[in-house]
Amino acid sequence: MSQPTNDGGDRPSRRRFLQGIGGFAALAASFGAGRGAAASPRGGARPAPGGTALEMQGPRITVREVEAYPIYINQRSEGLLDPPIFDGDDDPRRWRWGGPFEQLPSAIIAVIKTDQGIVGFGMGAGGTAAVEIIRGHLRHLLIGTSPLDVEQRWDQMYSAGVLYGRRGLFPMALSAVDNALWDIAGKYADLPVSRMIGGWPRERLAIYQTGGDIPAALARGVRNFKIGTPVGPHTPPDQQRRVVERVLAARDTIGPDANLMIDCVSRNGTADWAVGYAQQLRPANLYFMEELLSPDDVYGYAELVQRIGGGGPGWTRVACGEHEYTEHGFNVLVRTRAAEVLQPDITWCGGLTAGKRIRDLVEGAGLELIPHRGGSVWGLPIAFTARTCTMAESFPAGSPILDAMSARFDNGDYVAPTASGFGSTLTEEMVLDARLPGTF
């Protein structure tokens, strides 16, 4: 099974993985240590409440204004606010219609202004519901505070919302705000945030393309590909067979040495169905199979690691985590050994602060970390600094707002941003122009 390089670091073996865990007690200890020794923006030990190394450089900087907006990202935003029309009680769309708050099309941008004129931008999700959380709750926890001790701000906001927002909508709103605070910290320090969060910084990282034109991507130097395969236990056998044939055809196109993955985006998969599906796809030699089950089926994922993954026959790697939140949710996946590739989305999981903690947790367990949409400016700081991250997922294009949040690409690799903060080219005018029609 081919693998992209990782600056000389081989993928951890099963033995190293088990040694890295060292039992639940050791994992818990390392998790606690990671929290206590979280990096400050300067890369040293996290300071006590009341000041940061960055604040010592000049007059105190404070948050003056916090705002957030649902944005139109591309064609997926079309009709987002329109009510659906279903064909009866059993219409299959009733199981999949995500409404105006579904993660991908419900993107929001937070805009945080300081008294020194520095403006931070951060992407999150959750649409108008997340914006209401920011305007009605989180903004009041930020106005008048220092934006530089980002992790303390995160801890305060998460603690304040934990009784109603442990997962889902609240962390998606928190992501936008946290990312905007890191953007401010980077601009204040005149550093890219990837140089402020510890880890193993690199300058280049291989891309993996999700969907799109495979021959065209090969011509641009892309070496890794993922195909969406929205199938499940209720998919008619002939339809699933056509999907399998499409994946096998993609393997023929890219050749035996490139990496190929699939993503089911499953809501109702079962372990038995997933094992059968994996067996059908064995000739494709998949690097990983993603989201075979509901994100709630943690024990099912743990079973798949043993039945198709490295805990058993090693047909492929089991990947999940795109729809998990904060280090607390990922701690469950790690402790139960429910995945071999973990995929936090930095605009959903709680922002860069959560992403940094997830990175340290996952790597402490000897597992791979490959962020969802890692090729955006929001995901790349974690992808570039995670030692076990082997590639970064492509970020969609199709609108000026998406282009402003995309990183430079060169001959099959993403190139680390050098601009301060996240390195986006967002402006407040651009965000206002991209507001989702019907929300203002």
Protein backbone atom coordinates (compact mmCIF):
# COMPACT_ATOMS: atom_id res chain seq x y z
CA MET A 1 0.00 0.00 0.00
CA SER A 2 1.70 3.21 -1.12
CA GLN A 3 2.10 6.18 1.15
CA PRO A 4 3.16 9.78 0.61
CA THR A 5 6.33 10.85 2.32
CA ASN A 6 6.26 12.67 5.62
CA ASP A 7 9.65 14.38 5.79
CA GLY A 8 11.38 11.14 6.65
CA GLY A 9 8.84 9.97 9.22
CA ASP A 10 7.37 6.55 8.53
CA ARG A 11 3.78 5.78 9.38
CA PRO A 12 3.73 4.45 12.97
CA SER A 13 3.59 0.66 13.14
CA ARG A 14 0.97 -1.19 15.13
CA ARG A 15 3.62 -1.91 17.78
CA ARG A 16 4.55 1.76 18.07
CA PHE A 17 0.87 2.60 18.25
CA LEU A 18 0.35 0.26 21.19
CA GLN A 19 3.51 1.52 22.87
CA GLY A 20 2.34 5.08 22.33
CA ILE A 21 -0.94 4.42 24.07
CA GLY A 22 0.68 2.60 26.99
CA GLY A 23 -2.69 1.92 28.54
CA PHE A 24 -5.56 4.25 29.33
CA ALA A 25 -3.81 5.65 32.40
CA ALA A 26 -0.75 6.75 30.42
CA LEU A 27 -2.93 8.25 27.71
CA ALA A 28 -4.94 10.18 30.25
CA ALA A 29 -1.73 11.45 31.83
CA SER A 30 -0.30 12.58 28.50
CA PHE A 31 -3.62 14.23 27.61
CA GLY A 32 -3.62 16.16 30.84
CA ALA A 33 0.01 17.18 30.34
CA GLY A 34 -0.79 18.45 26.86
CA ARG A 35 -3.46 20.73 28.25
CA GLY A 36 -1.26 22.05 31.01
CA ALA A 37 1.69 22.73 28.71
CA ALA A 38 -0.26 24.19 25.81
CA ALA A 39 1.89 26.51 23.73
CA SER A 40 1.59 30.26 23.95
CA PRO A 41 1.73 32.28 20.72
CA ARG A 42 5.49 32.49 21.26
CA GLY A 43 5.76 28.70 21.48
CA GLY A 44 6.66 28.57 25.17
CA ALA A 45 4.62 27.31 28.11
CA ARG A 46 1.08 28.61 28.26
CA PRO A 47 1.04 31.67 30.54
CA ALA A 48 -1.12 32.06 33.59
CA PRO A 49 -4.32 34.12 33.19
CA GLY A 50 -3.74 37.83 33.10
CA GLY A 51 -1.16 38.29 30.35
CA THR A 52 0.81 36.73 27.51
CA ALA A 53 4.28 37.21 26.08
CA LEU A 54 2.71 39.01 23.15
CA GLU A 55 1.00 41.54 25.40
CA MET A 56 4.36 42.55 26.83
CA GLN A 57 5.43 43.95 23.47
CA GLY A 58 3.31 47.07 23.77
CA PRO A 59 0.11 48.59 25.16
CA ARG A 60 -2.68 46.22 26.10
CA ILE A 61 -4.78 45.18 23.11
CA THR A 62 -8.46 44.41 23.63
CA VAL A 63 -11.41 43.14 21.63
CA ARG A 64 -13.65 46.00 20.59
CA GLU A 65 -16.21 44.37 18.30
CA VAL A 66 -17.37 40.84 17.45
CA GLU A 67 -19.59 40.08 14.47
CA ALA A 68 -20.38 37.05 12.33
CA TYR A 69 -22.17 36.45 9.04
CA PRO A 70 -23.54 33.46 7.12
CA ILE A 71 -21.84 33.49 3.74
CA TYR A 72 -22.54 32.29 0.22
CA ILE A 73 -19.68 29.89 -0.54
CA ASN A 74 -20.58 28.46 -3.96
CA GLN A 75 -23.45 26.71 -5.73
CA ARG A 76 -24.07 24.56 -2.64
CA SER A 77 -25.47 27.67 -0.97
CA GLU A 78 -28.22 27.98 -3.58
CA GLY A 79 -31.68 27.57 -2.07
CA LEU A 80 -30.23 26.90 1.39
CA LEU A 81 -33.07 28.74 3.09
CA ASP A 82 -35.82 27.32 0.89
CA PRO A 83 -38.23 24.81 2.50
CA PRO A 84 -38.02 21.30 1.02
CA ILE A 85 -40.77 19.43 -0.78
CA PHE A 86 -40.84 15.71 0.04
CA ASP A 87 -42.58 12.87 -1.79
CA GLY A 88 -44.37 11.27 1.13
CA ASP A 89 -43.33 9.99 4.53
CA ASP A 90 -40.70 7.59 3.18
CA ASP A 91 -38.87 9.96 0.84
CA PRO A 92 -35.15 9.03 1.24
CA ARG A 93 -34.29 12.72 1.33
CA ARG A 94 -35.90 12.94 4.77
CA TRP A 95 -32.90 11.02 6.12
CA ARG A 96 -30.34 13.38 4.56
CA TRP A 97 -31.73 16.91 4.27
CA GLY A 98 -29.51 18.98 6.55
CA GLY A 99 -31.50 22.20 6.36
CA PRO A 100 -29.83 25.62 6.55
CA PHE A 101 -27.44 24.53 9.32
CA GLU A 102 -25.63 21.64 7.64
CA GLN A 103 -21.90 22.07 7.90
CA LEU A 104 -20.57 22.62 4.38
CA PRO A 105 -23.12 25.06 2.95
CA SER A 106 -23.81 26.78 6.30
CA ALA A 107 -20.38 28.44 6.49
CA ILE A 108 -20.01 31.59 8.55
CA ILE A 109 -17.21 34.11 8.92
CA ALA A 110 -16.51 35.83 12.23
CA VAL A 111 -14.98 39.31 12.11
CA ILE A 112 -13.30 40.49 15.32
CA LYS A 113 -11.93 44.02 15.65
CA THR A 114 -9.49 45.30 18.26
CA ASP A 115 -8.83 48.71 19.74
CA GLN A 116 -5.48 48.78 17.90
CA GLY A 117 -7.06 48.35 14.48
CA ILE A 118 -6.12 44.70 13.96
CA VAL A 119 -8.99 42.71 12.42
CA GLY A 120 -9.21 38.94 12.65
CA PHE A 121 -11.25 36.67 10.39
CA GLY A 122 -12.32 33.12 11.20
CA MET A 123 -14.41 30.53 9.40
CA GLY A 124 -16.98 28.39 11.18
CA ALA A 125 -20.34 26.86 10.33
CA GLY A 126 -23.92 26.56 11.53
CA GLY A 127 -25.52 29.39 9.57
CA THR A 128 -27.85 31.82 11.27
CA ALA A 129 -28.11 29.60 14.37
CA ALA A 130 -24.35 29.78 14.94
CA VAL A 131 -24.37 33.52 14.30
CA GLU A 132 -27.03 33.88 17.02
CA ILE A 133 -24.77 31.97 19.45
CA ILE A 134 -21.92 34.35 18.66
CA ARG A 135 -24.03 37.51 18.88
CA GLY A 136 -26.07 36.46 21.90
CA HIS A 137 -23.45 34.62 23.93
CA LEU A 138 -19.80 34.47 22.84
CA ARG A 139 -19.37 38.12 21.93
CA HIS A 140 -20.16 39.11 25.54
CA LEU A 141 -17.34 36.86 26.76
CA LEU A 142 -14.85 38.57 24.44
CA ILE A 143 -15.57 42.31 24.41
CA GLY A 144 -12.93 44.12 26.49
CA THR A 145 -10.65 41.06 26.85
CA SER A 146 -7.20 40.44 25.41
CA PRO A 147 -7.40 38.49 22.14
CA LEU A 148 -3.82 37.23 22.55
CA ASP A 149 -4.32 34.57 25.22
CA VAL A 150 -6.41 32.62 22.76
CA GLU A 151 -6.48 29.37 24.69
CA GLN A 152 -7.80 31.01 27.84
CA ARG A 153 -10.53 32.66 25.78
CA TRP A 154 -11.36 29.22 24.32
CA ASP A 155 -11.53 27.58 27.75
CA GLN A 156 -13.80 30.31 29.04
CA MET A 157 -16.17 30.13 26.08
CA TYR A 158 -16.31 26.34 26.04
CA SER A 159 -16.92 26.18 29.80
CA ALA A 160 -19.65 28.80 29.52
CA GLY A 161 -21.46 26.82 26.83
CA VAL A 162 -20.70 23.24 27.78
CA LEU A 163 -24.07 22.53 29.37
CA TYR A 164 -25.92 23.27 26.15
CA GLY A 165 -23.26 22.95 23.48
CA ARG A 166 -20.79 20.09 23.93
CA ARG A 167 -21.05 18.99 20.31
CA GLY A 168 -22.42 20.21 17.00
CA LEU A 169 -23.66 23.74 16.61
CA PHE A 170 -21.87 25.40 19.52
CA PRO A 171 -18.35 24.18 18.59
CA MET A 172 -19.01 25.24 14.99
CA ALA A 173 -19.77 28.76 16.21
CA LEU A 174 -16.81 28.62 18.59
CA SER A 175 -14.57 27.62 15.67
CA ALA A 176 -15.24 30.88 13.84
CA VAL A 177 -14.46 33.00 16.88
CA ASP A 178 -11.39 31.02 17.92
CA ASN A 179 -9.95 31.14 14.41
CA ALA A 180 -10.49 34.90 14.27
CA LEU A 181 -8.64 35.31 17.59
CA TRP A 182 -5.67 33.30 16.29
CA ASP A 183 -5.72 35.46 13.16
CA ILE A 184 -5.39 38.54 15.37
CA ALA A 185 -2.59 36.97 17.41
CA GLY A 186 -0.65 36.12 14.27
CA LYS A 187 -1.10 39.57 12.78
CA TYR A 188 -0.06 41.17 16.07
CA ALA A 189 3.11 39.05 16.20
CA ASP A 190 3.65 39.32 12.41
CA LEU A 191 3.85 35.54 12.23
CA PRO A 192 1.90 32.84 10.38
CA VAL A 193 -0.12 30.89 12.93
CA SER A 194 1.56 27.67 11.80
CA ARG A 195 4.70 29.06 13.50
CA MET A 196 2.86 29.77 16.75
CA ILE A 197 1.38 26.40 17.68
CA GLY A 198 4.35 24.10 18.14
CA GLY A 199 4.46 20.72 16.47
CA TRP A 200 6.68 19.83 13.49
CA PRO A 201 6.42 22.69 10.97
CA ARG A 202 7.05 21.94 7.31
CA GLU A 203 7.11 24.03 4.18
CA ARG A 204 5.32 21.68 1.76
CA LEU A 205 2.72 18.92 2.06
CA ALA A 206 1.21 16.65 -0.58
CA ILE A 207 -2.36 17.39 -1.59
CA TYR A 208 -5.07 14.80 -1.96
CA GLN A 209 -7.85 15.80 -4.29
CA THR A 210 -11.45 15.02 -3.40
CA GLY A 211 -13.57 14.52 -6.51
CA GLY A 212 -12.88 16.51 -9.64
CA ASP A 213 -11.12 15.59 -12.86
CA ILE A 214 -8.50 12.95 -12.08
CA PRO A 215 -6.52 13.12 -15.37
CA ALA A 216 -6.32 16.92 -15.11
CA ALA A 217 -5.15 16.65 -11.51
CA LEU A 218 -2.49 14.10 -12.44
CA ALA A 219 -1.19 16.60 -15.00
CA ARG A 220 -0.86 19.17 -12.20
CA GLY A 221 1.24 16.82 -10.10
CA VAL A 222 -1.46 15.53 -7.74
CA ARG A 223 -0.59 12.08 -6.44
CA ASN A 224 -3.44 11.29 -4.04
CA PHE A 225 -7.18 11.09 -4.66
CA LYS A 226 -10.42 10.55 -2.77
CA ILE A 227 -13.76 9.62 -4.31
CA GLY A 228 -17.15 10.19 -2.74
CA THR A 229 -19.19 6.98 -2.58
CA PRO A 230 -22.53 7.77 -0.91
CA VAL A 231 -23.69 4.19 -0.39
CA GLY A 232 -24.94 2.25 2.60
CA PRO A 233 -26.90 -0.79 3.77
CA HIS A 234 -30.02 0.34 1.91
CA THR A 235 -28.28 0.98 -1.41
CA PRO A 236 -29.56 -1.41 -4.12
CA PRO A 237 -26.85 -4.00 -4.96
CA ASP A 238 -26.63 -2.97 -8.61
CA GLN A 239 -26.10 0.66 -7.63
CA GLN A 240 -23.38 -0.25 -5.15
CA ARG A 241 -21.73 -2.42 -7.78
CA ARG A 242 -21.56 0.56 -10.15
CA VAL A 243 -19.91 2.61 -7.41
CA VAL A 244 -17.34 -0.13 -6.84
CA GLU A 245 -16.62 -0.24 -10.57
CA ARG A 246 -16.09 3.53 -10.57
CA VAL A 247 -13.55 3.25 -7.75
CA LEU A 248 -11.72 0.42 -9.50
CA ALA A 249 -11.65 2.46 -12.71
CA ALA A 250 -10.09 5.35 -10.78
CA ARG A 251 -7.38 3.01 -9.52
CA ASP A 252 -6.63 2.02 -13.10
CA THR A 253 -6.40 5.69 -14.06
CA ILE A 254 -4.02 6.78 -11.29
CA GLY A 255 -1.88 3.64 -11.35
CA PRO A 256 -0.74 1.35 -8.54
CA ASP A 257 1.57 3.77 -6.73
CA ALA A 258 -0.77 6.72 -6.10
CA ASN A 259 -2.94 6.81 -2.99
CA LEU A 260 -6.69 6.30 -3.39
CA MET A 261 -9.35 6.78 -0.70
CA ILE A 262 -13.14 6.73 -0.53
CA ASP A 263 -15.67 8.63 1.61
CA CYS A 264 -19.15 7.27 2.31
CA VAL A 265 -20.48 10.19 4.42
CA SER A 266 -22.61 7.55 6.10
CA ARG A 267 -25.44 8.22 8.52
CA ASN A 268 -26.70 4.66 8.93
CA GLY A 269 -23.91 2.26 7.92
CA THR A 270 -23.44 -0.97 9.86
CA ALA A 271 -20.24 -2.83 10.60
CA ASP A 272 -21.37 -5.95 8.71
CA TRP A 273 -22.30 -3.92 5.63
CA ALA A 274 -19.00 -1.98 5.80
CA VAL A 275 -16.95 -5.18 5.95
CA GLY A 276 -18.69 -6.48 2.83
CA TYR A 277 -18.18 -3.18 1.05
CA ALA A 278 -14.50 -3.13 2.02
CA GLN A 279 -14.11 -6.64 0.65
CA GLN A 280 -15.59 -5.56 -2.69
CA LEU A 281 -13.05 -2.72 -2.83
CA ARG A 282 -9.97 -4.70 -1.85
CA PRO A 283 -8.60 -4.70 -5.44
CA ALA A 284 -8.52 -0.89 -5.26
CA ASN A 285 -5.88 -1.03 -2.49
CA LEU A 286 -7.40 1.92 -0.61
CA TYR A 287 -5.25 4.03 1.70
CA PHE A 288 -8.28 4.66 3.90
CA MET A 289 -12.06 4.29 3.95
CA GLU A 290 -13.82 7.27 5.48
CA GLU A 291 -17.11 7.63 7.34
CA LEU A 292 -18.41 4.12 6.84
CA LEU A 293 -20.69 4.50 9.87
CA SER A 294 -22.61 7.16 11.74
CA PRO A 295 -20.30 9.37 13.82
CA ASP A 296 -22.19 8.14 16.89
CA ASP A 297 -21.26 4.51 16.26
CA VAL A 298 -17.89 4.65 18.02
CA TYR A 299 -17.93 0.98 18.98
CA GLY A 300 -18.79 0.06 15.41
CA TYR A 301 -15.71 1.94 14.22
CA ALA A 302 -13.60 0.13 16.80
CA GLU A 303 -14.95 -3.15 15.40
CA LEU A 304 -14.00 -2.10 11.86
CA VAL A 305 -10.41 -1.40 12.91
CA GLN A 306 -10.27 -5.06 13.95
CA ARG A 307 -12.18 -6.46 10.99
CA ILE A 308 -10.79 -4.48 8.02
CA GLY A 309 -8.08 -2.22 9.42
CA GLY A 310 -4.68 -2.53 11.01
CA GLY A 311 -6.03 -4.36 14.04
CA GLY A 312 -6.99 -7.25 11.76
CA PRO A 313 -6.37 -8.08 8.11
CA GLY A 314 -5.06 -4.63 7.16
CA TRP A 315 -7.15 -4.24 4.01
CA THR A 316 -7.20 -0.48 4.53
CA ARG A 317 -7.20 2.16 7.28
CA VAL A 318 -10.38 3.22 9.06
CA ALA A 319 -10.89 6.99 8.98
CA CYS A 320 -13.39 9.22 10.80
CA GLY A 321 -13.63 12.37 12.90
CA GLU A 322 -14.84 14.93 10.38
CA HIS A 323 -18.05 15.19 12.38
CA GLU A 324 -16.48 14.97 15.83
CA TYR A 325 -15.87 17.94 18.10
CA THR A 326 -13.20 19.20 20.52
CA GLU A 327 -10.44 17.18 22.09
CA HIS A 328 -13.03 15.59 24.36
CA GLY A 329 -14.80 13.91 21.46
CA PHE A 330 -11.52 12.82 19.90
CA ASN A 331 -10.35 11.50 23.24
CA VAL A 332 -13.21 8.99 23.05
CA LEU A 333 -12.17 7.89 19.55
CA VAL A 334 -8.56 7.47 20.65
CA ARG A 335 -9.35 5.63 23.89
CA THR A 336 -11.66 3.18 22.15
CA ARG A 337 -9.21 2.76 19.24
CA ALA A 338 -12.07 3.56 16.89
CA ALA A 339 -9.97 4.97 14.04
CA GLU A 340 -6.53 4.87 12.48
CA VAL A 341 -6.83 8.17 10.61
CA LEU A 342 -8.53 11.04 12.45
CA GLN A 343 -9.94 13.98 10.51
CA PRO A 344 -10.91 17.07 12.49
CA ASP A 345 -12.26 20.01 10.53
CA ILE A 346 -10.72 23.16 12.02
CA THR A 347 -13.77 25.23 11.07
CA TRP A 348 -16.13 22.83 12.89
CA CYS A 349 -14.33 21.02 15.72
CA GLY A 350 -13.79 24.10 17.88
CA GLY A 351 -11.21 26.05 15.90
CA LEU A 352 -7.43 26.06 15.90
CA THR A 353 -7.21 25.76 19.69
CA ALA A 354 -9.22 22.55 19.60
CA GLY A 355 -7.28 21.42 16.53
CA LYS A 356 -3.94 21.90 18.27
CA ARG A 357 -5.07 19.88 21.27
CA ILE A 358 -6.52 17.17 19.03
CA ARG A 359 -3.24 17.04 17.11
CA ASP A 360 -1.24 16.47 20.29
CA LEU A 361 -3.71 13.88 21.58
CA VAL A 362 -3.80 11.89 18.34
CA GLU A 363 -0.05 11.99 17.83
CA GLY A 364 0.54 10.97 21.43
CA ALA A 365 -1.42 7.82 20.59
CA GLY A 366 0.66 7.13 17.47
CA LEU A 367 -2.22 7.65 15.06
CA GLU A 368 -2.47 9.57 11.80
CA LEU A 369 -4.03 13.01 11.71
CA ILE A 370 -5.30 14.21 8.32
CA PRO A 371 -7.61 17.22 8.81
CA HIS A 372 -10.81 17.46 6.77
CA ARG A 373 -10.38 20.22 4.19
CA GLY A 374 -6.80 20.51 5.34
CA GLY A 375 -5.91 22.50 2.24
CA SER A 376 -7.78 25.60 3.43
CA VAL A 377 -5.83 28.30 5.26
CA TRP A 378 -7.73 27.19 8.39
CA GLY A 379 -6.72 23.53 8.18
CA LEU A 380 -3.14 23.90 6.96
CA PRO A 381 -1.57 25.06 10.26
CA ILE A 382 -2.55 21.73 11.84
CA ALA A 383 -1.69 19.72 8.72
CA PHE A 384 1.73 21.36 8.43
CA THR A 385 2.61 20.87 12.11
CA ALA A 386 1.24 17.35 12.68
CA ARG A 387 4.11 14.90 12.33
CA THR A 388 1.81 12.05 11.28
CA CYS A 389 -0.09 14.11 8.71
CA THR A 390 0.80 12.62 5.34
CA MET A 391 -1.33 14.80 3.05
CA ALA A 392 -3.82 17.66 3.02
CA GLU A 393 -7.30 17.50 1.49
CA SER A 394 -8.17 19.85 -1.33
CA PHE A 395 -10.30 22.90 -0.54
CA PRO A 396 -13.20 23.68 -2.89
CA ALA A 397 -13.08 26.59 -5.29
CA GLY A 398 -15.77 28.41 -7.17
CA SER A 399 -16.15 31.84 -5.56
CA PRO A 400 -14.00 34.83 -4.53
CA ILE A 401 -14.59 34.08 -0.83
CA LEU A 402 -13.28 30.52 -1.20
CA ASP A 403 -10.31 31.68 -3.25
CA ALA A 404 -9.45 34.12 -0.45
CA MET A 405 -9.23 31.19 1.98
CA SER A 406 -7.16 28.90 -0.25
CA ALA A 407 -3.44 28.22 0.04
CA ARG A 408 -0.79 28.25 -2.66
CA PHE A 409 -0.42 25.03 -4.61
CA ASP A 410 2.71 23.91 -6.46
CA ASN A 411 3.29 20.66 -8.38
CA GLY A 412 1.08 18.46 -6.22
CA ASP A 413 1.94 20.11 -2.90
CA TYR A 414 0.48 22.81 -0.72
CA VAL A 415 3.02 25.46 0.24
CA ALA A 416 3.03 26.87 3.77
CA PRO A 417 1.65 30.42 3.96
CA THR A 418 4.17 33.07 4.94
CA ALA A 419 1.75 35.94 5.59
CA SER A 420 0.83 36.77 9.18
CA GLY A 421 -2.19 35.18 10.82
CA PHE A 422 -3.85 32.50 8.73
CA GLY A 423 -2.68 34.17 5.54
CA SER A 424 -6.12 34.62 4.00
CA THR A 425 -6.84 37.59 1.77
CA LEU A 426 -10.23 38.22 3.36
CA THR A 427 -11.42 41.76 3.93
CA GLU A 428 -14.49 42.98 5.75
CA GLU A 429 -15.88 44.32 2.48
CA MET A 430 -15.44 40.91 0.86
CA VAL A 431 -17.22 39.18 3.75
CA LEU A 432 -20.11 41.64 3.63
CA ASP A 433 -20.42 41.20 -0.13
CA ALA A 434 -20.55 37.42 0.36
CA ARG A 435 -23.35 37.42 2.94
CA LEU A 436 -25.94 34.74 2.27
CA PRO A 437 -29.02 36.27 0.64
CA GLY A 438 -32.01 36.18 2.95
CA THR A 439 -29.95 36.58 6.15
CA PHE A 440 -29.65 40.37 6.16
